[in-house]
Amino acid sequence: MQHLLALLARAEEAGFGQVYVAPFDVTLDPHDAVQPDVLLVTTARLAIITEAEVAGAPDLVAEVLSPSIISRDLGVKLRTYARFGVRFYWIVDPDAQSVQTFSLENSAYAEGTVLKAGDRLGCPLFPGVELDVGNLFR
């Protein structure tokens, strides 16, 4: 998780947005609130951030899998994030040492390639800021 935060901190330092780490509430609507492991809100959308929460969909959410919540992250959360317009969703799997990326297209996620050591992790939200996936798990 430390290296994932370092990657997103570089994006934040470059002025692409602000990063928040759990526990930090995200209220998607009056009936749906979540606490993603890590999230980024782009600079253009910083108005959705209050002292207490993100009031709306972040631009990027990353969840770190653990055996007890794997079905929730790949099921309920995936559908919820898509429904509310989270543009990019990353699932970091420490056991497989991989990152599954999803990007929102027409209100549903298009599944990206599963990235492993040697692959570069980055996002169109912060061009030029990347990290070798293998470094996430060192």
Protein backbone atom coordinates (compact mmCIF):
# COMPACT_ATOMS: atom_id res chain seq x y z
CA MET A 1 0.00 0.00 0.00
CA GLN A 2 2.91 2.33 0.72
CA HIS A 3 4.08 2.35 -2.90
CA LEU A 4 0.53 2.82 -4.21
CA LEU A 5 0.25 5.89 -2.00
CA ALA A 6 3.62 7.11 -3.26
CA LEU A 7 2.40 6.84 -6.87
CA LEU A 8 -0.77 8.78 -6.12
CA ALA A 9 1.15 11.30 -4.01
CA ARG A 10 3.31 12.02 -7.07
CA ALA A 11 0.10 12.67 -9.04
CA GLU A 12 -1.09 14.98 -6.28
CA GLU A 13 2.25 16.83 -6.14
CA ALA A 14 2.10 17.31 -9.93
CA GLY A 15 -1.22 19.13 -9.45
CA PHE A 16 -3.57 16.51 -10.91
CA GLY A 17 -5.79 16.24 -7.82
CA GLN A 18 -6.01 15.31 -4.15
CA VAL A 19 -5.57 11.87 -2.63
CA TYR A 20 -7.37 10.53 0.44
CA VAL A 21 -6.81 7.33 2.37
CA ALA A 22 -9.30 5.34 4.47
CA PRO A 23 -10.91 6.07 6.74
CA PHE A 24 -12.44 8.90 4.73
CA ASP A 25 -16.13 8.86 3.85
CA VAL A 26 -17.43 9.11 0.32
CA THR A 27 -21.13 9.90 0.13
CA LEU A 28 -22.42 8.96 -3.30
CA ASP A 29 -26.04 9.81 -2.51
CA PRO A 30 -28.15 9.92 0.68
CA HIS A 31 -28.39 6.11 0.69
CA ASP A 32 -24.91 5.08 -0.49
CA ALA A 33 -21.72 5.84 1.40
CA VAL A 34 -18.39 4.00 1.13
CA GLN A 35 -14.85 4.21 2.48
CA PRO A 36 -12.46 3.24 -0.31
CA ASP A 37 -8.91 2.28 0.63
CA VAL A 38 -7.51 5.10 -1.52
CA LEU A 39 -9.18 7.69 -3.74
CA LEU A 40 -8.25 10.61 -5.94
CA VAL A 41 -10.39 13.60 -6.86
CA THR A 42 -9.09 15.62 -9.80
CA THR A 43 -8.26 19.28 -9.41
CA ALA A 44 -11.21 20.31 -11.59
CA ARG A 45 -13.61 18.57 -9.16
CA LEU A 46 -12.19 19.56 -5.76
CA ALA A 47 -15.46 21.31 -4.88
CA ILE A 48 -16.95 17.89 -3.95
CA ILE A 49 -14.55 17.64 -0.99
CA THR A 50 -15.65 18.90 2.41
CA GLU A 51 -13.88 18.67 5.77
CA ALA A 52 -15.77 15.50 6.60
CA GLU A 53 -16.21 13.70 3.30
CA VAL A 54 -16.14 13.50 -0.45
CA ALA A 55 -19.69 14.39 -1.50
CA GLY A 56 -19.90 12.64 -4.85
CA ALA A 57 -17.97 10.16 -6.94
CA PRO A 58 -14.17 10.35 -6.84
CA ASP A 59 -12.37 10.12 -10.16
CA LEU A 60 -10.23 7.14 -9.11
CA VAL A 61 -10.79 4.53 -6.42
CA ALA A 62 -8.28 1.83 -5.46
CA GLU A 63 -9.22 -1.08 -3.23
CA VAL A 64 -6.67 -3.49 -1.77
CA LEU A 65 -8.06 -7.02 -1.72
CA SER A 66 -8.16 -9.19 1.33
CA PRO A 67 -9.68 -12.69 1.38
CA SER A 68 -12.63 -11.61 3.52
CA ILE A 69 -13.81 -8.85 1.14
CA ILE A 70 -12.80 -10.06 -2.33
CA SER A 71 -16.37 -10.76 -3.46
CA ARG A 72 -17.54 -7.35 -2.18
CA ASP A 73 -14.78 -5.44 -4.04
CA LEU A 74 -15.40 -7.37 -7.27
CA GLY A 75 -19.18 -7.34 -6.92
CA VAL A 76 -21.14 -4.76 -4.95
CA LYS A 77 -18.46 -2.07 -4.92
CA LEU A 78 -17.65 -2.50 -8.61
CA ARG A 79 -21.31 -2.05 -9.57
CA THR A 80 -21.81 0.82 -7.11
CA TYR A 81 -18.77 2.75 -8.30
CA ALA A 82 -19.83 2.34 -11.93
CA ARG A 83 -23.40 3.40 -11.21
CA PHE A 84 -22.25 6.63 -9.53
CA GLY A 85 -19.62 7.50 -12.14
CA VAL A 86 -16.22 6.67 -10.60
CA ARG A 87 -14.15 6.93 -13.78
CA PHE A 88 -11.35 4.55 -12.82
CA TYR A 89 -11.34 1.63 -10.40
CA TRP A 90 -8.22 -0.32 -9.45
CA ILE A 91 -8.22 -3.58 -7.53
CA VAL A 92 -4.85 -4.29 -5.98
CA ASP A 93 -4.30 -7.98 -5.17
CA PRO A 94 -1.32 -8.48 -2.82
CA ASP A 95 -1.56 -12.30 -3.04
CA ALA A 96 -1.39 -12.36 -6.86
CA GLN A 97 0.86 -9.27 -6.87
CA SER A 98 -1.32 -7.74 -9.55
CA VAL A 99 -3.56 -4.78 -10.27
CA GLN A 100 -6.82 -5.13 -12.17
CA THR A 101 -7.86 -1.85 -13.76
CA PHE A 102 -11.33 -0.80 -14.84
CA SER A 103 -12.40 2.31 -16.75
CA LEU A 104 -15.92 3.63 -17.00
CA GLU A 105 -17.47 3.47 -20.47
CA ASN A 106 -21.16 4.12 -21.02
CA SER A 107 -22.08 3.67 -17.33
CA ALA A 108 -20.30 0.29 -17.03
CA TYR A 109 -16.72 -0.73 -16.45
CA ALA A 110 -14.50 -1.94 -19.24
CA GLU A 111 -12.08 -4.41 -17.76
CA GLY A 112 -8.45 -3.58 -18.41
CA THR A 113 -5.49 -5.90 -18.48
CA VAL A 114 -4.35 -7.49 -15.24
CA LEU A 115 -1.04 -5.76 -14.59
CA LYS A 116 1.89 -7.61 -13.00
CA ALA A 117 5.58 -6.96 -12.34
CA GLY A 118 7.15 -5.36 -15.40
CA ASP A 119 3.88 -3.63 -16.39
CA ARG A 120 3.43 0.10 -15.84
CA LEU A 121 0.56 1.32 -13.68
CA GLY A 122 -0.72 4.77 -14.50
CA CYS A 123 -3.94 6.55 -15.34
CA PRO A 124 -5.12 9.05 -17.96
CA LEU A 125 -6.02 11.35 -15.04
CA PHE A 126 -2.32 11.91 -14.35
CA PRO A 127 -0.30 11.37 -17.55
CA GLY A 128 3.38 10.69 -17.11
CA VAL A 129 3.04 9.50 -13.51
CA GLU A 130 3.60 5.74 -13.51
CA LEU A 131 5.07 2.92 -11.47
CA ASP A 132 6.20 -0.62 -12.24
CA VAL A 133 3.58 -2.87 -10.67
CA GLY A 134 6.33 -5.03 -9.18
CA ASN A 135 7.33 -2.06 -7.02
CA LEU A 136 3.89 -1.97 -5.40
CA PHE A 137 4.59 -5.21 -3.59
CA ARG A 138 8.15 -4.62 -2.33
